[in-house]
Amino acid sequence: MRSLLFVIDGAKVLRRAIADAFGSRGLIRRCREHKKRNVTNALPERMRATDP
């Protein structure tokens, strides 16, 4: 049986739904852009990189 790759934004409910529906066949990875955005948004503004 083939595995399926799901790239998600980190929502716990979505992760749970995929796990419930696909079990061990559902491989879940976090979208790098969403992760970067969430980490950056948690930083104080003075520590965030500014775009030129």
PDB file of N, CA and C in Angstrom:
ATOM      1  N   MET A   1       0.839  -1.179   0.000  1.00  0.00           N
ATOM      2  CA  MET A   1       0.000   0.000   0.000  1.00  0.00           C
ATOM      3  C   MET A   1       0.888   1.248   0.000  1.00  0.00           C
ATOM      4  N   ARG A   2       0.529   2.239  -0.786  1.00  0.00           N
ATOM      5  CA  ARG A   2       1.322   3.470  -0.887  1.00  0.00           C
ATOM      6  C   ARG A   2       1.021   4.441   0.243  1.00  0.00           C
ATOM      7  N   SER A   3       2.042   5.197   0.600  1.00  0.00           N
ATOM      8  CA  SER A   3       1.862   6.276   1.565  1.00  0.00           C
ATOM      9  C   SER A   3       1.445   7.539   0.831  1.00  0.00           C
ATOM     10  N   LEU A   4       0.828   8.439   1.554  1.00  0.00           N
ATOM     11  CA  LEU A   4       0.411   9.724   1.002  1.00  0.00           C
ATOM     12  C   LEU A   4       1.063  10.833   1.810  1.00  0.00           C
ATOM     13  N   LEU A   5       1.601  11.812   1.129  1.00  0.00           N
ATOM     14  CA  LEU A   5       2.247  12.937   1.793  1.00  0.00           C
ATOM     15  C   LEU A   5       1.290  14.110   1.868  1.00  0.00           C
ATOM     16  N   PHE A   6       1.098  14.645   3.073  1.00  0.00           N
ATOM     17  CA  PHE A   6       0.260  15.810   3.295  1.00  0.00           C
ATOM     18  C   PHE A   6       1.134  16.923   3.846  1.00  0.00           C
ATOM     19  N   VAL A   7       1.161  18.047   3.178  1.00  0.00           N
ATOM     20  CA  VAL A   7       1.898  19.224   3.651  1.00  0.00           C
ATOM     21  C   VAL A   7       0.852  20.194   4.162  1.00  0.00           C
ATOM     22  N   ILE A   8       0.890  20.452   5.475  1.00  0.00           N
ATOM     23  CA  ILE A   8      -0.157  21.260   6.098  1.00  0.00           C
ATOM     24  C   ILE A   8       0.446  22.462   6.811  1.00  0.00           C
ATOM     25  N   ASP A   9      -0.430  23.361   7.245  1.00  0.00           N
ATOM     26  CA  ASP A   9       0.009  24.605   7.877  1.00  0.00           C
ATOM     27  C   ASP A   9       0.262  24.480   9.370  1.00  0.00           C
ATOM     28  N   GLY A  10       0.123  23.300   9.913  1.00  0.00           N
ATOM     29  CA  GLY A  10       0.393  23.105  11.336  1.00  0.00           C
ATOM     30  C   GLY A  10      -0.855  22.996  12.188  1.00  0.00           C
ATOM     31  N   ALA A  11      -2.035  23.049  11.573  1.00  0.00           N
ATOM     32  CA  ALA A  11      -3.281  22.944  12.325  1.00  0.00           C
ATOM     33  C   ALA A  11      -3.389  21.558  12.964  1.00  0.00           C
ATOM     34  N   LYS A  12      -3.570  21.541  14.275  1.00  0.00           N
ATOM     35  CA  LYS A  12      -3.648  20.273  14.997  1.00  0.00           C
ATOM     36  C   LYS A  12      -4.884  19.473  14.602  1.00  0.00           C
ATOM     37  N   VAL A  13      -5.975  20.155  14.350  1.00  0.00           N
ATOM     38  CA  VAL A  13      -7.207  19.474  13.961  1.00  0.00           C
ATOM     39  C   VAL A  13      -7.032  18.793  12.603  1.00  0.00           C
ATOM     40  N   LEU A  14      -6.367  19.457  11.676  1.00  0.00           N
ATOM     41  CA  LEU A  14      -6.115  18.870  10.360  1.00  0.00           C
ATOM     42  C   LEU A  14      -5.189  17.661  10.474  1.00  0.00           C
ATOM     43  N   ARG A  15      -4.180  17.792  11.311  1.00  0.00           N
ATOM     44  CA  ARG A  15      -3.254  16.676  11.540  1.00  0.00           C
ATOM     45  C   ARG A  15      -4.024  15.469  12.082  1.00  0.00           C
ATOM     46  N   ARG A  16      -4.913  15.705  13.017  1.00  0.00           N
ATOM     47  CA  ARG A  16      -5.705  14.626  13.622  1.00  0.00           C
ATOM     48  C   ARG A  16      -6.640  13.993  12.582  1.00  0.00           C
ATOM     49  N   ALA A  17      -7.258  14.813  11.743  1.00  0.00           N
ATOM     50  CA  ALA A  17      -8.172  14.300  10.716  1.00  0.00           C
ATOM     51  C   ALA A  17      -7.429  13.418   9.715  1.00  0.00           C
ATOM     52  N   ILE A  18      -6.244  13.831   9.314  1.00  0.00           N
ATOM     53  CA  ILE A  18      -5.446  13.027   8.381  1.00  0.00           C
ATOM     54  C   ILE A  18      -5.046  11.708   9.041  1.00  0.00           C
ATOM     55  N   ALA A  19      -4.611  11.779  10.273  1.00  0.00           N
ATOM     56  CA  ALA A  19      -4.219  10.561  10.995  1.00  0.00           C
ATOM     57  C   ALA A  19      -5.407   9.612  11.142  1.00  0.00           C
ATOM     58  N   ASP A  20      -6.576  10.149  11.458  1.00  0.00           N
ATOM     59  CA  ASP A  20      -7.772   9.316  11.605  1.00  0.00           C
ATOM     60  C   ASP A  20      -8.187   8.685  10.281  1.00  0.00           C
ATOM     61  N   ALA A  21      -8.092   9.446   9.205  1.00  0.00           N
ATOM     62  CA  ALA A  21      -8.550   8.964   7.904  1.00  0.00           C
ATOM     63  C   ALA A  21      -7.552   8.034   7.219  1.00  0.00           C
ATOM     64  N   PHE A  22      -6.261   8.293   7.365  1.00  0.00           N
ATOM     65  CA  PHE A  22      -5.257   7.556   6.606  1.00  0.00           C
ATOM     66  C   PHE A  22      -4.312   6.716   7.459  1.00  0.00           C
ATOM     67  N   GLY A  23      -4.357   6.883   8.766  1.00  0.00           N
ATOM     68  CA  GLY A  23      -3.509   6.093   9.655  1.00  0.00           C
ATOM     69  C   GLY A  23      -2.035   6.271   9.330  1.00  0.00           C
ATOM     70  N   SER A  24      -1.304   5.166   9.350  1.00  0.00           N
ATOM     71  CA  SER A  24       0.140   5.245   9.129  1.00  0.00           C
ATOM     72  C   SER A  24       0.493   5.519   7.664  1.00  0.00           C
ATOM     73  N   ARG A  25      -0.482   5.445   6.759  1.00  0.00           N
ATOM     74  CA  ARG A  25      -0.218   5.766   5.350  1.00  0.00           C
ATOM     75  C   ARG A  25      -0.095   7.267   5.137  1.00  0.00           C
ATOM     76  N   GLY A  26      -0.647   8.067   6.033  1.00  0.00           N
ATOM     77  CA  GLY A  26      -0.603   9.518   5.880  1.00  0.00           C
ATOM     78  C   GLY A  26       0.650  10.111   6.496  1.00  0.00           C
ATOM     79  N   LEU A  27       1.579  10.522   5.660  1.00  0.00           N
ATOM     80  CA  LEU A  27       2.798  11.176   6.132  1.00  0.00           C
ATOM     81  C   LEU A  27       2.539  12.671   6.184  1.00  0.00           C
ATOM     82  N   ILE A  28       2.750  13.267   7.332  1.00  0.00           N
ATOM     83  CA  ILE A  28       2.420  14.679   7.526  1.00  0.00           C
ATOM     84  C   ILE A  28       3.699  15.486   7.695  1.00  0.00           C
ATOM     85  N   ARG A  29       3.811  16.548   6.932  1.00  0.00           N
ATOM     86  CA  ARG A  29       4.935  17.470   7.031  1.00  0.00           C
ATOM     87  C   ARG A  29       4.391  18.878   7.174  1.00  0.00           C
ATOM     88  N   ARG A  30       5.153  19.713   7.813  1.00  0.00           N
ATOM     89  CA  ARG A  30       4.754  21.099   8.042  1.00  0.00           C
ATOM     90  C   ARG A  30       5.272  21.973   6.911  1.00  0.00           C
ATOM     91  N   CYS A  31       4.432  22.824   6.386  1.00  0.00           N
ATOM     92  CA  CYS A  31       4.828  23.761   5.341  1.00  0.00           C
ATOM     93  C   CYS A  31       5.898  24.695   5.913  1.00  0.00           C
ATOM     94  N   ARG A  32       7.030  24.773   5.250  1.00  0.00           N
ATOM     95  CA  ARG A  32       8.139  25.592   5.756  1.00  0.00           C
ATOM     96  C   ARG A  32       7.794  27.070   5.782  1.00  0.00           C
ATOM     97  N   GLU A  33       7.046  27.532   4.812  1.00  0.00           N
ATOM     98  CA  GLU A  33       6.682  28.955   4.768  1.00  0.00           C
ATOM     99  C   GLU A  33       5.762  29.321   5.935  1.00  0.00           C
ATOM    100  N   HIS A  34       4.783  28.461   6.236  1.00  0.00           N
ATOM    101  CA  HIS A  34       3.902  28.716   7.374  1.00  0.00           C
ATOM    102  C   HIS A  34       4.690  28.695   8.686  1.00  0.00           C
ATOM    103  N   LYS A  35       5.597  27.740   8.822  1.00  0.00           N
ATOM    104  CA  LYS A  35       6.408  27.648  10.037  1.00  0.00           C
ATOM    105  C   LYS A  35       7.254  28.908  10.213  1.00  0.00           C
ATOM    106  N   LYS A  36       7.907  29.332   9.130  1.00  0.00           N
ATOM    107  CA  LYS A  36       8.736  30.538   9.183  1.00  0.00           C
ATOM    108  C   LYS A  36       7.900  31.757   9.579  1.00  0.00           C
ATOM    109  N   ARG A  37       6.740  31.880   8.974  1.00  0.00           N
ATOM    110  CA  ARG A  37       5.857  33.009   9.266  1.00  0.00           C
ATOM    111  C   ARG A  37       5.416  32.997  10.722  1.00  0.00           C
ATOM    112  N   ASN A  38       5.055  31.822  11.244  1.00  0.00           N
ATOM    113  CA  ASN A  38       4.605  31.733  12.633  1.00  0.00           C
ATOM    114  C   ASN A  38       5.729  32.064  13.610  1.00  0.00           C
ATOM    115  N   VAL A  39       6.934  31.575  13.332  1.00  0.00           N
ATOM    116  CA  VAL A  39       8.068  31.875  14.211  1.00  0.00           C
ATOM    117  C   VAL A  39       8.404  33.357  14.161  1.00  0.00           C
ATOM    118  N   THR A  40       8.431  33.920  12.961  1.00  0.00           N
ATOM    119  CA  THR A  40       8.743  35.334  12.796  1.00  0.00           C
ATOM    120  C   THR A  40       7.715  36.208  13.517  1.00  0.00           C
ATOM    121  N   ASN A  41       6.450  35.853  13.412  1.00  0.00           N
ATOM    122  CA  ASN A  41       5.400  36.639  14.055  1.00  0.00           C
ATOM    123  C   ASN A  41       5.477  36.584  15.575  1.00  0.00           C
ATOM    124  N   ALA A  42       6.118  35.561  16.117  1.00  0.00           N
ATOM    125  CA  ALA A  42       6.263  35.445  17.567  1.00  0.00           C
ATOM    126  C   ALA A  42       7.435  36.276  18.101  1.00  0.00           C
ATOM    127  N   LEU A  43       8.311  36.726  17.209  1.00  0.00           N
ATOM    128  CA  LEU A  43       9.457  37.535  17.627  1.00  0.00           C
ATOM    129  C   LEU A  43       9.040  38.981  17.890  1.00  0.00           C
ATOM    130  N   PRO A  44       9.746  39.661  18.788  1.00  0.00           N
ATOM    131  CA  PRO A  44       9.521  41.099  18.929  1.00  0.00           C
ATOM    132  C   PRO A  44       9.875  41.787  17.600  1.00  0.00           C
ATOM    133  N   GLU A  45       9.176  42.855  17.263  1.00  0.00           N
ATOM    134  CA  GLU A  45       9.389  43.517  15.972  1.00  0.00           C
ATOM    135  C   GLU A  45      10.832  43.915  15.753  1.00  0.00           C
ATOM    136  N   ARG A  46      11.546  44.312  16.794  1.00  0.00           N
ATOM    137  CA  ARG A  46      12.937  44.761  16.620  1.00  0.00           C
ATOM    138  C   ARG A  46      13.851  43.616  16.184  1.00  0.00           C
ATOM    139  N   MET A  47      13.422  42.370  16.374  1.00  0.00           N
ATOM    140  CA  MET A  47      14.248  41.217  16.004  1.00  0.00           C
ATOM    141  C   MET A  47      13.874  40.640  14.625  1.00  0.00           C
ATOM    142  N   ARG A  48      12.838  41.154  14.027  1.00  0.00           N
ATOM    143  CA  ARG A  48      12.412  40.657  12.722  1.00  0.00           C
ATOM    144  C   ARG A  48      13.241  41.292  11.606  1.00  0.00           C
ATOM    145  N   ALA A  49      13.538  40.482  10.605  1.00  0.00           N
ATOM    146  CA  ALA A  49      14.264  41.005   9.438  1.00  0.00           C
ATOM    147  C   ALA A  49      13.324  41.902   8.647  1.00  0.00           C
ATOM    148  N   THR A  50      13.862  42.973   8.104  1.00  0.00           N
ATOM    149  CA  THR A  50      13.059  43.861   7.274  1.00  0.00           C
ATOM    150  C   THR A  50      13.386  43.605   5.823  1.00  0.00           C
ATOM    151  N   ASP A  51      12.381  43.634   4.981  1.00  0.00           N
ATOM    152  CA  ASP A  51      12.581  43.450   3.547  1.00  0.00           C
ATOM    153  C   ASP A  51      13.069  44.762   2.938  1.00  0.00           C
ATOM    154  N   PRO A  52      14.037  44.684   2.003  1.00  0.00           N
ATOM    155  CA  PRO A  52      14.562  45.912   1.399  1.00  0.00           C
ATOM    156  C   PRO A  52      13.535  46.607   0.529  1.00  0.00           C
TER     157      PRO A  52
END
